[in-house]
Amino acid sequence: MSLEYLGEKVFLDEIRAAGRIWVLRGAHKNIHAAEIEDGYSLPVWSSQDKAAQFLKIARLIGQAYAPEAVPLEVFIQAWLSDRRMAIRELQLNPDGKTSRVLIVSREEFLAAQGMQPPSNLV
């Protein structure tokens, strides 16, 4: 079993148990994400502490960001299905202490939750 697989499994178990996923939200209600070719790559964490730890080591330019919890059901049903948000992949940061991430597609994330992609995005 690879370290990447174990990191992803622990991350998914943690968010399922907590019922939420953590993102970084800016002062203007924007969300920290990386633009990719056909949408956005969204960094996410399994706890407030891990997101806050990442902020300590990150060198984000511009406005200040703060960890914000999003209920897992809302994240899946509203965020991942919203075409305007265009979230194509997630950057799982299992420990928050490093900039190293595991990249999973929206479809892989939904499959890990036992769900199919919303029909309007297939």
Protein backbone atom coordinates (compact mmCIF):
# COMPACT_ATOMS: atom_id res chain seq x y z
CA MET A 1 0.00 0.00 0.00
CA SER A 2 1.49 3.36 -1.03
CA LEU A 3 1.95 6.36 1.24
CA GLU A 4 -0.23 8.41 -1.12
CA TYR A 5 -3.08 5.91 -0.78
CA LEU A 6 -2.75 5.86 3.01
CA GLY A 7 -2.69 9.67 3.15
CA GLU A 8 -5.82 9.88 1.01
CA LYS A 9 -7.62 7.21 3.06
CA VAL A 10 -6.82 8.92 6.38
CA PHE A 11 -7.91 12.28 4.95
CA LEU A 12 -11.22 10.89 3.69
CA ASP A 13 -11.87 9.09 6.99
CA GLU A 14 -11.22 12.33 8.90
CA ILE A 15 -13.61 14.43 6.81
CA ARG A 16 -16.32 11.76 6.95
CA ALA A 17 -16.02 11.56 10.74
CA ALA A 18 -16.10 15.34 11.16
CA GLY A 19 -18.76 15.90 8.49
CA ARG A 20 -16.90 18.88 7.07
CA ILE A 21 -14.01 19.94 4.90
CA TRP A 22 -11.82 23.01 5.42
CA VAL A 23 -10.93 25.66 2.84
CA LEU A 24 -9.16 29.02 3.02
CA ARG A 25 -11.47 32.01 2.67
CA GLY A 26 -10.28 35.55 2.09
CA ALA A 27 -11.55 38.82 3.49
CA HIS A 28 -13.67 39.37 0.38
CA LYS A 29 -15.32 35.93 0.74
CA ASN A 30 -13.18 34.53 -2.06
CA ILE A 31 -11.63 31.09 -1.74
CA HIS A 32 -7.94 30.33 -2.17
CA ALA A 33 -7.62 28.11 -5.26
CA ALA A 34 -5.23 27.59 -8.14
CA GLU A 35 -6.44 28.23 -11.66
CA ILE A 36 -5.92 25.30 -14.01
CA GLU A 37 -6.68 24.87 -17.71
CA ASP A 38 -10.41 24.16 -17.43
CA GLY A 39 -11.31 25.39 -13.96
CA TYR A 40 -9.82 25.41 -10.47
CA SER A 41 -7.74 23.19 -8.24
CA LEU A 42 -8.97 23.65 -4.68
CA PRO A 43 -6.70 23.03 -1.67
CA VAL A 44 -8.67 21.41 1.18
CA TRP A 45 -7.90 20.18 4.69
CA SER A 46 -9.51 17.79 7.14
CA SER A 47 -9.26 20.09 10.16
CA GLN A 48 -8.96 23.72 11.14
CA ASP A 49 -5.59 23.04 12.78
CA LYS A 50 -4.15 21.57 9.57
CA ALA A 51 -5.39 24.49 7.48
CA ALA A 52 -3.99 26.96 10.03
CA GLN A 53 -0.67 25.10 10.07
CA PHE A 54 -0.51 25.41 6.29
CA LEU A 55 -1.10 29.18 6.54
CA LYS A 56 1.91 29.46 8.85
CA ILE A 57 4.25 28.04 6.19
CA ALA A 58 2.52 29.31 3.04
CA ARG A 59 3.68 32.43 1.33
CA LEU A 60 0.36 33.66 0.05
CA ILE A 61 0.53 37.09 -1.52
CA GLY A 62 -2.21 39.65 -1.10
CA GLN A 63 -5.08 39.47 1.30
CA ALA A 64 -5.16 37.38 4.46
CA TYR A 65 -6.92 34.03 4.45
CA ALA A 66 -8.50 32.12 7.32
CA PRO A 67 -9.64 28.50 7.62
CA GLU A 68 -13.36 28.01 7.13
CA ALA A 69 -15.38 24.82 7.53
CA VAL A 70 -17.82 23.75 4.85
CA PRO A 71 -20.28 20.97 5.73
CA LEU A 72 -19.34 17.92 3.67
CA GLU A 73 -22.86 17.55 2.26
CA VAL A 74 -22.91 21.20 1.14
CA PHE A 75 -19.44 20.85 -0.34
CA ILE A 76 -20.49 17.82 -2.38
CA GLN A 77 -24.03 18.86 -3.34
CA ALA A 78 -23.51 22.59 -3.91
CA TRP A 79 -19.83 23.36 -4.45
CA LEU A 80 -18.82 20.41 -6.63
CA SER A 81 -22.01 20.63 -8.71
CA ASP A 82 -21.84 24.40 -9.29
CA ARG A 83 -20.57 25.03 -12.83
CA ARG A 84 -19.57 28.59 -11.93
CA MET A 85 -17.20 27.35 -9.22
CA ALA A 86 -15.57 25.04 -11.79
CA ILE A 87 -13.77 22.88 -9.21
CA ARG A 88 -12.06 20.22 -11.32
CA GLU A 89 -9.66 18.78 -8.77
CA LEU A 90 -8.90 18.84 -5.07
CA GLN A 91 -5.51 19.22 -3.43
CA LEU A 92 -5.63 17.06 -0.31
CA ASN A 93 -3.16 18.26 2.29
CA PRO A 94 -3.11 15.40 4.81
CA ASP A 95 -0.78 16.93 7.40
CA GLY A 96 -0.89 20.68 6.79
CA LYS A 97 2.80 20.97 7.67
CA THR A 98 4.16 20.71 4.14
CA SER A 99 3.25 22.09 0.77
CA ARG A 100 3.08 18.53 -0.58
CA VAL A 101 -0.42 17.56 -1.66
CA LEU A 102 -2.30 14.66 -3.18
CA ILE A 103 -4.27 15.65 -6.27
CA VAL A 104 -7.63 13.95 -6.85
CA SER A 105 -10.16 14.79 -9.51
CA ARG A 106 -13.69 15.82 -8.61
CA GLU A 107 -14.87 12.44 -9.93
CA GLU A 108 -12.33 10.52 -7.80
CA PHE A 109 -13.38 12.45 -4.71
CA LEU A 110 -17.07 11.79 -5.35
CA ALA A 111 -16.40 8.09 -6.00
CA ALA A 112 -14.55 7.88 -2.68
CA GLN A 113 -17.69 9.28 -1.03
CA GLY A 114 -19.77 6.59 -2.77
CA MET A 115 -21.38 9.13 -5.10
CA GLN A 116 -21.63 9.71 -8.84
CA PRO A 117 -20.89 13.12 -10.33
CA PRO A 118 -24.03 15.28 -10.56
CA SER A 119 -25.76 14.68 -13.92
CA ASN A 120 -25.36 18.31 -14.96
CA LEU A 121 -21.55 17.91 -14.87
CA VAL A 122 -21.10 14.50 -16.49
